[in-house]
Amino acid sequence: MTKNKSVVLAIRTDEENPNHHLWNNNGTWFVHYTVYPTPVTKQRVRKSLKTKCLTEARRKRDVLFKQMSNKFTLAY
């Protein structure tokens, strides 16, 4: 698979915070992250993980970030 180098994905993790990039919105867990479609623009992405379970939300976040890291260039 060839990475899409035109989009840069910003995913910074905090090893001391297992809930990084997660937030609870009225009982449903969401993931949020930033992408840079061009060098001068950024886009904040917020996506429902469609679960009320924190453990499931962490798993879904990790799967999503793994899939995206294979597709986009990462910025740290």
C-alpha atoms as a PDB file:
ATOM      1  CA  MET A   1       0.000   0.000   0.000  1.00  0.00           C
ATOM      2  CA  THR A   2       1.316   3.447  -0.948  1.00  0.00           C
ATOM      3  CA  LYS A   3       0.930   6.180   1.632  1.00  0.00           C
ATOM      4  CA  ASN A   4      -0.898   9.368   0.734  1.00  0.00           C
ATOM      5  CA  LYS A   5       1.934  11.845   1.338  1.00  0.00           C
ATOM      6  CA  SER A   6      -0.246  14.870   0.561  1.00  0.00           C
ATOM      7  CA  VAL A   7      -2.135  14.464   3.857  1.00  0.00           C
ATOM      8  CA  VAL A   8      -0.265  14.575   7.161  1.00  0.00           C
ATOM      9  CA  LEU A   9      -1.903  13.051  10.217  1.00  0.00           C
ATOM     10  CA  ALA A  10      -1.095  14.506  13.646  1.00  0.00           C
ATOM     11  CA  ILE A  11      -1.501  11.902  16.375  1.00  0.00           C
ATOM     12  CA  ARG A  12       0.436  12.650  19.522  1.00  0.00           C
ATOM     13  CA  THR A  13       0.051  10.113  22.270  1.00  0.00           C
ATOM     14  CA  ASP A  14       0.562  10.422  25.992  1.00  0.00           C
ATOM     15  CA  GLU A  15       1.640   7.084  27.423  1.00  0.00           C
ATOM     16  CA  GLU A  16       0.478   8.208  30.882  1.00  0.00           C
ATOM     17  CA  ASN A  17      -3.048   8.904  29.581  1.00  0.00           C
ATOM     18  CA  PRO A  18      -4.758   5.813  28.157  1.00  0.00           C
ATOM     19  CA  ASN A  19      -7.689   8.007  27.066  1.00  0.00           C
ATOM     20  CA  HIS A  20      -5.702  10.303  24.792  1.00  0.00           C
ATOM     21  CA  HIS A  21      -7.757  11.464  21.786  1.00  0.00           C
ATOM     22  CA  LEU A  22     -10.972  10.252  23.442  1.00  0.00           C
ATOM     23  CA  TRP A  23     -13.828  12.214  24.916  1.00  0.00           C
ATOM     24  CA  ASN A  24     -17.233  11.333  26.243  1.00  0.00           C
ATOM     25  CA  ASN A  25     -20.145  13.251  24.766  1.00  0.00           C
ATOM     26  CA  ASN A  26     -23.349  12.520  26.686  1.00  0.00           C
ATOM     27  CA  GLY A  27     -22.384   8.903  27.276  1.00  0.00           C
ATOM     28  CA  THR A  28     -21.001   8.102  23.799  1.00  0.00           C
ATOM     29  CA  TRP A  29     -17.242   7.986  23.209  1.00  0.00           C
ATOM     30  CA  PHE A  30     -15.685   9.996  20.378  1.00  0.00           C
ATOM     31  CA  VAL A  31     -12.170  10.149  18.954  1.00  0.00           C
ATOM     32  CA  HIS A  32     -10.601  13.412  17.841  1.00  0.00           C
ATOM     33  CA  TYR A  33      -7.414  14.119  15.899  1.00  0.00           C
ATOM     34  CA  THR A  34      -5.967  16.612  13.410  1.00  0.00           C
ATOM     35  CA  VAL A  35      -5.031  16.202   9.760  1.00  0.00           C
ATOM     36  CA  TYR A  36      -3.096  18.641   7.580  1.00  0.00           C
ATOM     37  CA  PRO A  37      -4.437  18.366   4.007  1.00  0.00           C
ATOM     38  CA  THR A  38      -1.927  21.016   2.877  1.00  0.00           C
ATOM     39  CA  PRO A  39       1.108  22.547   4.595  1.00  0.00           C
ATOM     40  CA  VAL A  40      -0.917  25.651   5.498  1.00  0.00           C
ATOM     41  CA  THR A  41      -4.301  24.189   6.463  1.00  0.00           C
ATOM     42  CA  LYS A  42      -5.469  21.891   9.194  1.00  0.00           C
ATOM     43  CA  GLN A  43      -8.649  19.982   9.795  1.00  0.00           C
ATOM     44  CA  ARG A  44      -9.872  18.791  13.171  1.00  0.00           C
ATOM     45  CA  VAL A  45     -11.690  15.493  12.921  1.00  0.00           C
ATOM     46  CA  ARG A  46     -14.167  14.272  15.492  1.00  0.00           C
ATOM     47  CA  LYS A  47     -15.759  10.889  14.991  1.00  0.00           C
ATOM     48  CA  SER A  48     -18.189   8.884  17.073  1.00  0.00           C
ATOM     49  CA  LEU A  49     -16.902   5.488  18.120  1.00  0.00           C
ATOM     50  CA  LYS A  50     -20.532   4.432  18.643  1.00  0.00           C
ATOM     51  CA  THR A  51     -19.927   2.900  22.038  1.00  0.00           C
ATOM     52  CA  LYS A  52     -20.655   3.768  25.644  1.00  0.00           C
ATOM     53  CA  CYS A  53     -17.897   1.418  26.870  1.00  0.00           C
ATOM     54  CA  LEU A  54     -14.504   3.048  27.522  1.00  0.00           C
ATOM     55  CA  THR A  55     -12.601  -0.216  26.937  1.00  0.00           C
ATOM     56  CA  GLU A  56     -14.289  -0.663  23.556  1.00  0.00           C
ATOM     57  CA  ALA A  57     -13.632   3.004  22.700  1.00  0.00           C
ATOM     58  CA  ARG A  58      -9.905   2.558  23.381  1.00  0.00           C
ATOM     59  CA  ARG A  59      -9.818  -0.541  21.185  1.00  0.00           C
ATOM     60  CA  LYS A  60     -11.661   1.186  18.343  1.00  0.00           C
ATOM     61  CA  ARG A  61      -9.362   4.232  18.604  1.00  0.00           C
ATOM     62  CA  ASP A  62      -6.286   2.036  18.420  1.00  0.00           C
ATOM     63  CA  VAL A  63      -7.617   0.157  15.375  1.00  0.00           C
ATOM     64  CA  LEU A  64      -8.519   3.431  13.643  1.00  0.00           C
ATOM     65  CA  PHE A  65      -5.102   4.981  14.309  1.00  0.00           C
ATOM     66  CA  LYS A  66      -3.333   1.823  13.107  1.00  0.00           C
ATOM     67  CA  GLN A  67      -5.315   1.893   9.853  1.00  0.00           C
ATOM     68  CA  MET A  68      -4.595   5.586   9.349  1.00  0.00           C
ATOM     69  CA  SER A  69      -0.882   5.214  10.095  1.00  0.00           C
ATOM     70  CA  ASN A  70      -0.681   2.741   7.201  1.00  0.00           C
ATOM     71  CA  LYS A  71      -2.424   5.209   4.886  1.00  0.00           C
ATOM     72  CA  PHE A  72      -1.082   8.669   5.777  1.00  0.00           C
ATOM     73  CA  THR A  73       2.218  10.288   6.672  1.00  0.00           C
ATOM     74  CA  LEU A  74       2.427  10.861  10.432  1.00  0.00           C
ATOM     75  CA  ALA A  75       3.528  14.081  12.114  1.00  0.00           C
ATOM     76  CA  TYR A  76       4.679  13.966  15.725  1.00  0.00           C
END
